Amino acid sequence: AATAFYHHIDEAFLLPLAEEAAKHNAELLVGLPVLDEDGERYYNSM
């Protein structure tokens, strides 16, 4: 659903969204690509 790597939008978008959800006792499960720690391989992830 999010068409950018997790680490590219984590601090600017995903973390604030998660904090807002937590205020309402809700949790978010999001589909997006995730870059591996090696910086080369990437996963199709939730």
All heavy atoms as atom14 arrays in JSON, in Angstrom:
{
  "sequence": "AATAFYHHIDEAFLLPLAEEAAKHNAELLVGLPVLDEDGERYYNSM",
  "atom14_mask": [
    [1, 1, 1, 1, 1, 0, 0, 0, 0, 0, 0, 0, 0, 0],
    [1, 1, 1, 1, 1, 0, 0, 0, 0, 0, 0, 0, 0, 0],
    [1, 1, 1, 1, 1, 1, 1, 0, 0, 0, 0, 0, 0, 0],
    [1, 1, 1, 1, 1, 0, 0, 0, 0, 0, 0, 0, 0, 0],
    [1, 1, 1, 1, 1, 1, 1, 1, 1, 1, 1, 0, 0, 0],
    [1, 1, 1, 1, 1, 1, 1, 1, 1, 1, 1, 1, 0, 0],
    [1, 1, 1, 1, 1, 1, 1, 1, 1, 1, 0, 0, 0, 0],
    [1, 1, 1, 1, 1, 1, 1, 1, 1, 1, 0, 0, 0, 0],
    [1, 1, 1, 1, 1, 1, 1, 1, 0, 0, 0, 0, 0, 0],
    [1, 1, 1, 1, 1, 1, 1, 1, 0, 0, 0, 0, 0, 0],
    [1, 1, 1, 1, 1, 1, 1, 1, 1, 0, 0, 0, 0, 0],
    [1, 1, 1, 1, 1, 0, 0, 0, 0, 0, 0, 0, 0, 0],
    [1, 1, 1, 1, 1, 1, 1, 1, 1, 1, 1, 0, 0, 0],
    [1, 1, 1, 1, 1, 1, 1, 1, 0, 0, 0, 0, 0, 0],
    [1, 1, 1, 1, 1, 1, 1, 1, 0, 0, 0, 0, 0, 0],
    [1, 1, 1, 1, 1, 1, 1, 0, 0, 0, 0, 0, 0, 0],
    [1, 1, 1, 1, 1, 1, 1, 1, 0, 0, 0, 0, 0, 0],
    [1, 1, 1, 1, 1, 0, 0, 0, 0, 0, 0, 0, 0, 0],
    [1, 1, 1, 1, 1, 1, 1, 1, 1, 0, 0, 0, 0, 0],
    [1, 1, 1, 1, 1, 1, 1, 1, 1, 0, 0, 0, 0, 0],
    [1, 1, 1, 1, 1, 0, 0, 0, 0, 0, 0, 0, 0, 0],
    [1, 1, 1, 1, 1, 0, 0, 0, 0, 0, 0, 0, 0, 0],
    [1, 1, 1, 1, 1, 1, 1, 1, 1, 0, 0, 0, 0, 0],
    [1, 1, 1, 1, 1, 1, 1, 1, 1, 1, 0, 0, 0, 0],
    [1, 1, 1, 1, 1, 1, 1, 1, 0, 0, 0, 0, 0, 0],
    [1, 1, 1, 1, 1, 0, 0, 0, 0, 0, 0, 0, 0, 0],
    [1, 1, 1, 1, 1, 1, 1, 1, 1, 0, 0, 0, 0, 0],
    [1, 1, 1, 1, 1, 1, 1, 1, 0, 0, 0, 0, 0, 0],
    [1, 1, 1, 1, 1, 1, 1, 1, 0, 0, 0, 0, 0, 0],
    [1, 1, 1, 1, 1, 1, 1, 0, 0, 0, 0, 0, 0, 0],
    [1, 1, 1, 1, 0, 0, 0, 0, 0, 0, 0, 0, 0, 0],
    [1, 1, 1, 1, 1, 1, 1, 1, 0, 0, 0, 0, 0, 0],
    [1, 1, 1, 1, 1, 1, 1, 0, 0, 0, 0, 0, 0, 0],
    [1, 1, 1, 1, 1, 1, 1, 0, 0, 0, 0, 0, 0, 0],
    [1, 1, 1, 1, 1, 1, 1, 1, 0, 0, 0, 0, 0, 0],
    [1, 1, 1, 1, 1, 1, 1, 1, 0, 0, 0, 0, 0, 0],
    [1, 1, 1, 1, 1, 1, 1, 1, 1, 0, 0, 0, 0, 0],
    [1, 1, 1, 1, 1, 1, 1, 1, 0, 0, 0, 0, 0, 0],
    [1, 1, 1, 1, 0, 0, 0, 0, 0, 0, 0, 0, 0, 0],
    [1, 1, 1, 1, 1, 1, 1, 1, 1, 0, 0, 0, 0, 0],
    [1, 1, 1, 1, 1, 1, 1, 1, 1, 1, 1, 0, 0, 0],
    [1, 1, 1, 1, 1, 1, 1, 1, 1, 1, 1, 1, 0, 0],
    [1, 1, 1, 1, 1, 1, 1, 1, 1, 1, 1, 1, 0, 0],
    [1, 1, 1, 1, 1, 1, 1, 1, 0, 0, 0, 0, 0, 0],
    [1, 1, 1, 1, 1, 1, 0, 0, 0, 0, 0, 0, 0, 0],
    [1, 1, 1, 1, 1, 1, 1, 1, 0, 0, 0, 0, 0, 0]
  ],
  "atom14_positions": [
    [[0.84, -1.2, 0.0], [0.0, 0.0, 0.0], [0.88, 1.25, 0.0], [0.6, 2.22, -0.69], [-0.92, 0.0, 1.21], [0.0, 0.0, 0.0], [0.0, 0.0, 0.0], [0.0, 0.0, 0.0], [0.0, 0.0, 0.0], [0.0, 0.0, 0.0], [0.0, 0.0, 0.0], [0.0, 0.0, 0.0], [0.0, 0.0, 0.0], [0.0, 0.0, 0.0]],
    [[1.94, 1.23, 0.8], [2.95, 2.29, 0.79], [4.04, 1.9, -0.19], [4.65, 0.83, -0.05], [3.53, 2.49, 2.19], [0.0, 0.0, 0.0], [0.0, 0.0, 0.0], [0.0, 0.0, 0.0], [0.0, 0.0, 0.0], [0.0, 0.0, 0.0], [0.0, 0.0, 0.0], [0.0, 0.0, 0.0], [0.0, 0.0, 0.0], [0.0, 0.0, 0.0]],
    [[4.29, 2.73, -1.17], [5.21, 2.36, -2.26], [6.58, 3.01, -2.06], [7.17, 3.53, -3.0], [4.62, 2.77, -3.61], [4.27, 4.16, -3.58], [3.38, 1.94, -3.92], [0.0, 0.0, 0.0], [0.0, 0.0, 0.0], [0.0, 0.0, 0.0], [0.0, 0.0, 0.0], [0.0, 0.0, 0.0], [0.0, 0.0, 0.0], [0.0, 0.0, 0.0]],
    [[7.05, 2.96, -0.85], [8.4, 3.45, -0.54], [8.98, 2.55, 0.53], [8.25, 1.94, 1.32], [8.37, 4.89, -0.06], [0.0, 0.0, 0.0], [0.0, 0.0, 0.0], [0.0, 0.0, 0.0], [0.0, 0.0, 0.0], [0.0, 0.0, 0.0], [0.0, 0.0, 0.0], [0.0, 0.0, 0.0], [0.0, 0.0, 0.0], [0.0, 0.0, 0.0]],
    [[10.32, 2.45, 0.57], [10.95, 1.62, 1.59], [10.6, 2.13, 2.98], [10.49, 3.35, 3.21], [12.46, 1.62, 1.41], [12.94, 0.78, 0.26], [13.67, 1.37, -0.77], [12.66, -0.56, 0.2], [14.12, 0.61, -1.83], [13.1, -1.34, -0.87], [13.83, -0.74, -1.89], [0.0, 0.0, 0.0], [0.0, 0.0, 0.0], [0.0, 0.0, 0.0]],
    [[10.46, 1.19, 3.9], [10.09, 1.53, 5.27], [10.99, 2.62, 5.84], [10.51, 3.6, 6.43], [10.14, 0.27, 6.15], [9.88, 0.56, 7.6], [8.58, 0.58, 8.09], [10.92, 0.82, 8.49], [8.32, 0.87, 9.42], [10.68, 1.1, 9.82], [9.38, 1.13, 10.28], [9.13, 1.43, 11.59], [0.0, 0.0, 0.0], [0.0, 0.0, 0.0]],
    [[12.31, 2.48, 5.68], [13.22, 3.42, 6.33], [13.16, 4.82, 5.71], [13.6, 5.79, 6.32], [14.66, 2.89, 6.29], [15.28, 2.91, 4.93], [15.01, 1.96, 3.97], [16.17, 3.78, 4.36], [15.7, 2.23, 2.87], [16.41, 3.32, 3.07], [0.0, 0.0, 0.0], [0.0, 0.0, 0.0], [0.0, 0.0, 0.0], [0.0, 0.0, 0.0]],
    [[12.59, 4.92, 4.5], [12.47, 6.24, 3.86], [11.33, 7.06, 4.45], [11.36, 8.3, 4.39], [12.24, 6.08, 2.36], [13.47, 5.69, 1.6], [13.44, 5.18, 0.32], [14.78, 5.74, 1.95], [14.67, 4.92, -0.08], [15.5, 5.24, 0.89], [0.0, 0.0, 0.0], [0.0, 0.0, 0.0], [0.0, 0.0, 0.0], [0.0, 0.0, 0.0]],
    [[10.31, 6.39, 4.99], [9.14, 7.12, 5.48], [8.85, 6.83, 6.96], [7.81, 7.25, 7.48], [7.88, 6.78, 4.64], [7.63, 5.27, 4.61], [8.02, 7.33, 3.23], [6.35, 4.87, 3.88], [0.0, 0.0, 0.0], [0.0, 0.0, 0.0], [0.0, 0.0, 0.0], [0.0, 0.0, 0.0], [0.0, 0.0, 0.0], [0.0, 0.0, 0.0]],
    [[9.78, 6.19, 7.63], [9.57, 5.79, 9.01], [9.36, 6.99, 9.93], [8.28, 7.21, 10.48], [10.76, 4.94, 9.49], [10.65, 4.54, 10.95], [9.52, 4.55, 11.47], [11.69, 4.23, 11.55], [0.0, 0.0, 0.0], [0.0, 0.0, 0.0], [0.0, 0.0, 0.0], [0.0, 0.0, 0.0], [0.0, 0.0, 0.0], [0.0, 0.0, 0.0]],
    [[10.38, 7.8, 10.1], [10.33, 8.89, 11.07], [9.35, 9.99, 10.65], [8.68, 10.59, 11.49], [11.72, 9.47, 11.29], [12.68, 8.49, 11.95], [14.03, 9.13, 12.25], [14.19, 10.34, 11.98], [14.92, 8.42, 12.76], [0.0, 0.0, 0.0], [0.0, 0.0, 0.0], [0.0, 0.0, 0.0], [0.0, 0.0, 0.0], [0.0, 0.0, 0.0]],
    [[9.27, 10.26, 9.34], [8.44, 11.37, 8.88], [6.96, 11.03, 8.83], [6.11, 11.91, 8.96], [8.91, 11.82, 7.5], [0.0, 0.0, 0.0], [0.0, 0.0, 0.0], [0.0, 0.0, 0.0], [0.0, 0.0, 0.0], [0.0, 0.0, 0.0], [0.0, 0.0, 0.0], [0.0, 0.0, 0.0], [0.0, 0.0, 0.0], [0.0, 0.0, 0.0]],
    [[6.65, 9.76, 8.66], [5.24, 9.42, 8.44], [4.77, 8.24, 9.28], [3.76, 8.35, 9.99], [5.02, 9.11, 6.95], [3.61, 8.74, 6.62], [2.64, 9.72, 6.49], [3.23, 7.41, 6.45], [1.32, 9.39, 6.2], [1.93, 7.07, 6.17], [0.96, 8.06, 6.03], [0.0, 0.0, 0.0], [0.0, 0.0, 0.0], [0.0, 0.0, 0.0]],
    [[5.45, 7.11, 9.23], [4.95, 5.9, 9.86], [4.95, 5.97, 11.38], [3.97, 5.57, 12.03], [5.76, 4.69, 9.38], [5.67, 4.38, 7.88], [6.55, 3.19, 7.54], [4.22, 4.12, 7.46], [0.0, 0.0, 0.0], [0.0, 0.0, 0.0], [0.0, 0.0, 0.0], [0.0, 0.0, 0.0], [0.0, 0.0, 0.0], [0.0, 0.0, 0.0]],
    [[6.03, 6.46, 11.97], [6.1, 6.53, 13.43], [5.05, 7.48, 14.0], [4.35, 7.11, 14.96], [7.5, 6.91, 13.87], [7.75, 6.9, 15.39], [7.39, 5.55, 15.98], [9.21, 7.25, 15.7], [0.0, 0.0, 0.0], [0.0, 0.0, 0.0], [0.0, 0.0, 0.0], [0.0, 0.0, 0.0], [0.0, 0.0, 0.0], [0.0, 0.0, 0.0]],
    [[4.91, 8.7, 13.46], [3.83, 9.57, 13.96], [2.44, 8.93, 13.8], [1.58, 9.1, 14.68], [3.96, 10.83, 13.1], [5.38, 10.84, 12.66], [5.74, 9.4, 12.48], [0.0, 0.0, 0.0], [0.0, 0.0, 0.0], [0.0, 0.0, 0.0], [0.0, 0.0, 0.0], [0.0, 0.0, 0.0], [0.0, 0.0, 0.0], [0.0, 0.0, 0.0]],
    [[2.23, 8.2, 12.71], [0.94, 7.54, 12.5], [0.72, 6.46, 13.55], [-0.38, 6.3, 14.08], [0.89, 6.96, 11.09], [-0.45, 6.39, 10.63], [-1.52, 7.48, 10.57], [-0.31, 5.71, 9.27], [0.0, 0.0, 0.0], [0.0, 0.0, 0.0], [0.0, 0.0, 0.0], [0.0, 0.0, 0.0], [0.0, 0.0, 0.0], [0.0, 0.0, 0.0]],
    [[1.77, 5.71, 13.86], [1.67, 4.67, 14.88], [1.38, 5.27, 16.25], [0.59, 4.71, 17.04], [2.96, 3.86, 14.92], [0.0, 0.0, 0.0], [0.0, 0.0, 0.0], [0.0, 0.0, 0.0], [0.0, 0.0, 0.0], [0.0, 0.0, 0.0], [0.0, 0.0, 0.0], [0.0, 0.0, 0.0], [0.0, 0.0, 0.0], [0.0, 0.0, 0.0]],
    [[1.99, 6.4, 16.55], [1.76, 7.05, 17.84], [0.33, 7.56, 17.95], [-0.29, 7.46, 19.01], [2.76, 8.2, 18.01], [4.2, 7.73, 18.19], [5.21, 8.85, 18.16], [4.83, 9.97, 17.72], [6.37, 8.64, 18.56], [0.0, 0.0, 0.0], [0.0, 0.0, 0.0], [0.0, 0.0, 0.0], [0.0, 0.0, 0.0], [0.0, 0.0, 0.0]],
    [[-0.19, 8.08, 16.84], [-1.58, 8.54, 16.84], [-2.53, 7.36, 17.03], [-3.53, 7.46, 17.76], [-1.88, 9.26, 15.53], [-3.27, 9.86, 15.44], [-3.5, 10.98, 16.44], [-2.51, 11.6, 16.9], [-4.68, 11.24, 16.79], [0.0, 0.0, 0.0], [0.0, 0.0, 0.0], [0.0, 0.0, 0.0], [0.0, 0.0, 0.0], [0.0, 0.0, 0.0]],
    [[-2.24, 6.24, 16.38], [-3.07, 5.05, 16.54], [-3.05, 4.57, 17.98], [-4.09, 4.18, 18.54], [-2.58, 3.95, 15.6], [0.0, 0.0, 0.0], [0.0, 0.0, 0.0], [0.0, 0.0, 0.0], [0.0, 0.0, 0.0], [0.0, 0.0, 0.0], [0.0, 0.0, 0.0], [0.0, 0.0, 0.0], [0.0, 0.0, 0.0], [0.0, 0.0, 0.0]],
    [[-1.86, 4.59, 18.6], [-1.72, 4.11, 19.97], [-2.57, 4.94, 20.94], [-3.07, 4.42, 21.94], [-0.25, 4.14, 20.39], [0.0, 0.0, 0.0], [0.0, 0.0, 0.0], [0.0, 0.0, 0.0], [0.0, 0.0, 0.0], [0.0, 0.0, 0.0], [0.0, 0.0, 0.0], [0.0, 0.0, 0.0], [0.0, 0.0, 0.0], [0.0, 0.0, 0.0]],
    [[-2.74, 6.24, 20.66], [-3.57, 7.09, 21.52], [-5.01, 6.61, 21.55], [-5.76, 6.87, 22.49], [-3.52, 8.54, 21.03], [-2.17, 9.21, 21.19], [-2.21, 10.63, 20.62], [-0.84, 11.29, 20.7], [-0.85, 12.66, 20.09], [0.0, 0.0, 0.0], [0.0, 0.0, 0.0], [0.0, 0.0, 0.0], [0.0, 0.0, 0.0], [0.0, 0.0, 0.0]],
    [[-5.41, 5.92, 20.48], [-6.78, 5.42, 20.39], [-6.86, 3.91, 20.61], [-7.87, 3.27, 20.31], [-7.35, 5.75, 19.0], [-7.47, 7.22, 18.72], [-6.41, 7.97, 18.24], [-8.51, 8.08, 18.88], [-6.79, 9.22, 18.08], [-8.05, 9.33, 18.46], [0.0, 0.0, 0.0], [0.0, 0.0, 0.0], [0.0, 0.0, 0.0], [0.0, 0.0, 0.0]],
    [[-5.76, 3.34, 21.14], [-5.69, 1.9, 21.41], [-5.9, 1.06, 20.15], [-6.51, -0.03, 20.19], [-6.7, 1.49, 22.49], [-6.42, 2.15, 23.81], [-5.27, 2.2, 24.26], [-7.45, 2.7, 24.44], [0.0, 0.0, 0.0], [0.0, 0.0, 0.0], [0.0, 0.0, 0.0], [0.0, 0.0, 0.0], [0.0, 0.0, 0.0], [0.0, 0.0, 0.0]],
    [[-5.42, 1.59, 19.05], [-5.48, 0.86, 17.78], [-4.07, 0.51, 17.33], [-3.1, 1.16, 17.73], [-6.18, 1.7, 16.72], [0.0, 0.0, 0.0], [0.0, 0.0, 0.0], [0.0, 0.0, 0.0], [0.0, 0.0, 0.0], [0.0, 0.0, 0.0], [0.0, 0.0, 0.0], [0.0, 0.0, 0.0], [0.0, 0.0, 0.0], [0.0, 0.0, 0.0]],
    [[-3.97, -0.53, 16.5], [-2.68, -0.9, 15.93], [-2.79, -0.99, 14.42], [-3.86, -1.32, 13.88], [-2.2, -2.24, 16.51], [-1.82, -2.14, 17.98], [-1.19, -3.42, 18.5], [-1.96, -4.36, 18.79], [0.05, -3.48, 18.61], [0.0, 0.0, 0.0], [0.0, 0.0, 0.0], [0.0, 0.0, 0.0], [0.0, 0.0, 0.0], [0.0, 0.0, 0.0]],
    [[-1.68, -0.71, 13.73], [-1.65, -0.67, 12.28], [-0.75, -1.75, 11.72], [0.39, -1.92, 12.16], [-1.15, 0.69, 11.8], [-2.18, 1.83, 11.77], [-1.48, 3.17, 11.8], [-3.06, 1.72, 10.53], [0.0, 0.0, 0.0], [0.0, 0.0, 0.0], [0.0, 0.0, 0.0], [0.0, 0.0, 0.0], [0.0, 0.0, 0.0], [0.0, 0.0, 0.0]],
    [[-1.26, -2.47, 10.73], [-0.49, -3.46, 9.99], [-0.45, -2.99, 8.54], [-1.49, -2.88, 7.89], [-1.15, -4.84, 10.1], [-0.38, -6.05, 9.61], [0.91, -6.25, 10.4], [-1.25, -7.31, 9.69], [0.0, 0.0, 0.0], [0.0, 0.0, 0.0], [0.0, 0.0, 0.0], [0.0, 0.0, 0.0], [0.0, 0.0, 0.0], [0.0, 0.0, 0.0]],
    [[0.76, -2.71, 8.04], [0.93, -1.98, 6.79], [1.78, -2.78, 5.82], [2.84, -3.32, 6.2], [1.59, -0.62, 7.06], [1.92, 0.1, 5.76], [0.67, 0.24, 7.93], [0.0, 0.0, 0.0], [0.0, 0.0, 0.0], [0.0, 0.0, 0.0], [0.0, 0.0, 0.0], [0.0, 0.0, 0.0], [0.0, 0.0, 0.0], [0.0, 0.0, 0.0]],
    [[1.36, -2.83, 4.54], [2.15, -3.49, 3.51], [3.05, -2.5, 2.8], [2.59, -1.46, 2.33], [0.0, 0.0, 0.0], [0.0, 0.0, 0.0], [0.0, 0.0, 0.0], [0.0, 0.0, 0.0], [0.0, 0.0, 0.0], [0.0, 0.0, 0.0], [0.0, 0.0, 0.0], [0.0, 0.0, 0.0], [0.0, 0.0, 0.0], [0.0, 0.0, 0.0]],
    [[4.34, -2.84, 2.73], [5.32, -1.97, 2.07], [6.64, -2.71, 1.88], [6.88, -3.72, 2.55], [5.55, -0.69, 2.87], [6.45, -0.69, 4.11], [6.55, 0.72, 4.68], [6.01, -1.66, 5.17], [0.0, 0.0, 0.0], [0.0, 0.0, 0.0], [0.0, 0.0, 0.0], [0.0, 0.0, 0.0], [0.0, 0.0, 0.0], [0.0, 0.0, 0.0]],
    [[7.52, -2.24, 0.98], [8.82, -2.88, 0.82], [9.77, -2.48, 1.95], [9.71, -1.37, 2.47], [9.31, -2.34, -0.54], [8.59, -1.06, -0.73], [7.28, -1.2, -0.02], [0.0, 0.0, 0.0], [0.0, 0.0, 0.0], [0.0, 0.0, 0.0], [0.0, 0.0, 0.0], [0.0, 0.0, 0.0], [0.0, 0.0, 0.0], [0.0, 0.0, 0.0]],
    [[10.63, -3.42, 2.31], [11.6, -3.19, 3.39], [12.99, -3.54, 2.88], [13.21, -4.64, 2.36], [11.25, -4.06, 4.63], [12.35, -3.95, 5.68], [9.91, -3.63, 5.21], [0.0, 0.0, 0.0], [0.0, 0.0, 0.0], [0.0, 0.0, 0.0], [0.0, 0.0, 0.0], [0.0, 0.0, 0.0], [0.0, 0.0, 0.0], [0.0, 0.0, 0.0]],
    [[13.93, -2.59, 3.03], [15.31, -2.81, 2.6], [16.06, -3.6, 3.66], [15.96, -3.31, 4.86], [16.0, -1.46, 2.37], [17.34, -1.49, 1.62], [17.15, -1.95, 0.18], [18.0, -0.1, 1.64], [0.0, 0.0, 0.0], [0.0, 0.0, 0.0], [0.0, 0.0, 0.0], [0.0, 0.0, 0.0], [0.0, 0.0, 0.0], [0.0, 0.0, 0.0]],
    [[16.82, -4.59, 3.22], [17.6, -5.41, 4.14], [18.74, -4.6, 4.75], [19.12, -3.54, 4.23], [18.16, -6.63, 3.4], [18.75, -7.66, 4.34], [17.98, -8.35, 5.02], [19.99, -7.76, 4.39], [0.0, 0.0, 0.0], [0.0, 0.0, 0.0], [0.0, 0.0, 0.0], [0.0, 0.0, 0.0], [0.0, 0.0, 0.0], [0.0, 0.0, 0.0]],
    [[19.29, -5.12, 5.83], [20.39, -4.42, 6.5], [21.62, -4.26, 5.61], [22.43, -3.36, 5.81], [20.78, -5.16, 7.78], [19.69, -5.15, 8.86], [20.08, -5.95, 10.08], [21.16, -6.61, 10.03], [19.34, -5.94, 11.07], [0.0, 0.0, 0.0], [0.0, 0.0, 0.0], [0.0, 0.0, 0.0], [0.0, 0.0, 0.0], [0.0, 0.0, 0.0]],
    [[21.74, -5.14, 4.59], [22.9, -5.03, 3.71], [22.77, -3.88, 2.71], [23.7, -3.58, 1.96], [23.16, -6.35, 2.96], [22.01, -6.75, 2.04], [21.12, -5.92, 1.76], [21.99, -7.91, 1.59], [0.0, 0.0, 0.0], [0.0, 0.0, 0.0], [0.0, 0.0, 0.0], [0.0, 0.0, 0.0], [0.0, 0.0, 0.0], [0.0, 0.0, 0.0]],
    [[21.59, -3.24, 2.68], [21.38, -2.1, 1.81], [21.21, -2.45, 0.35], [21.15, -1.55, -0.5], [0.0, 0.0, 0.0], [0.0, 0.0, 0.0], [0.0, 0.0, 0.0], [0.0, 0.0, 0.0], [0.0, 0.0, 0.0], [0.0, 0.0, 0.0], [0.0, 0.0, 0.0], [0.0, 0.0, 0.0], [0.0, 0.0, 0.0], [0.0, 0.0, 0.0]],
    [[21.13, -3.74, 0.02], [21.0, -4.16, -1.38], [19.73, -4.97, -1.62], [18.96, -4.69, -2.53], [22.22, -4.98, -1.79], [23.53, -4.2, -1.76], [24.71, -5.04, -2.18], [24.5, -6.23, -2.5], [25.84, -4.52, -2.19], [0.0, 0.0, 0.0], [0.0, 0.0, 0.0], [0.0, 0.0, 0.0], [0.0, 0.0, 0.0], [0.0, 0.0, 0.0]],
    [[19.5, -5.96, -0.82], [18.31, -6.81, -0.99], [17.1, -6.14, -0.35], [17.24, -5.38, 0.61], [18.54, -8.18, -0.37], [19.73, -8.94, -0.97], [19.89, -10.29, -0.3], [20.13, -10.15, 1.14], [20.04, -11.13, 2.02], [19.7, -12.35, 1.61], [20.28, -10.92, 3.29], [0.0, 0.0, 0.0], [0.0, 0.0, 0.0], [0.0, 0.0, 0.0]],
    [[15.91, -6.44, -0.89], [14.71, -5.88, -0.28], [13.57, -6.9, -0.33], [13.54, -7.78, -1.19], [14.3, -4.56, -0.92], [14.12, -4.57, -2.42], [12.87, -4.81, -3.0], [15.19, -4.3, -3.27], [12.7, -4.8, -4.37], [15.03, -4.29, -4.65], [13.78, -4.53, -5.19], [13.6, -4.52, -6.55], [0.0, 0.0, 0.0], [0.0, 0.0, 0.0]],
    [[12.66, -6.75, 0.64], [11.59, -7.71, 0.87], [10.22, -7.09, 0.59], [10.02, -5.88, 0.76], [11.59, -8.2, 2.32], [12.88, -8.8, 2.79], [13.75, -8.07, 3.59], [13.23, -10.1, 2.44], [14.94, -8.63, 4.04], [14.42, -10.67, 2.88], [15.27, -9.92, 3.68], [16.45, -10.46, 4.13], [0.0, 0.0, 0.0], [0.0, 0.0, 0.0]],
    [[9.28, -7.94, 0.21], [7.86, -7.59, 0.15], [7.3, -7.92, 1.53], [7.24, -9.09, 1.91], [7.18, -8.4, -0.95], [5.75, -7.99, -1.19], [5.14, -7.28, -0.4], [5.18, -8.46, -2.29], [0.0, 0.0, 0.0], [0.0, 0.0, 0.0], [0.0, 0.0, 0.0], [0.0, 0.0, 0.0], [0.0, 0.0, 0.0], [0.0, 0.0, 0.0]],
    [[6.88, -6.9, 2.29], [6.68, -7.11, 3.72], [5.37, -6.54, 4.24], [4.73, -5.69, 3.6], [7.83, -6.46, 4.51], [9.08, -6.91, 4.05], [0.0, 0.0, 0.0], [0.0, 0.0, 0.0], [0.0, 0.0, 0.0], [0.0, 0.0, 0.0], [0.0, 0.0, 0.0], [0.0, 0.0, 0.0], [0.0, 0.0, 0.0], [0.0, 0.0, 0.0]],
    [[5.0, -7.01, 5.42], [3.96, -6.4, 6.24], [4.63, -5.96, 7.53], [5.43, -6.71, 8.12], [2.84, -7.39, 6.55], [2.03, -7.83, 5.33], [1.07, -6.51, 4.56], [-0.19, -6.22, 5.8], [0.0, 0.0, 0.0], [0.0, 0.0, 0.0], [0.0, 0.0, 0.0], [0.0, 0.0, 0.0], [0.0, 0.0, 0.0], [0.0, 0.0, 0.0]]
  ]
}
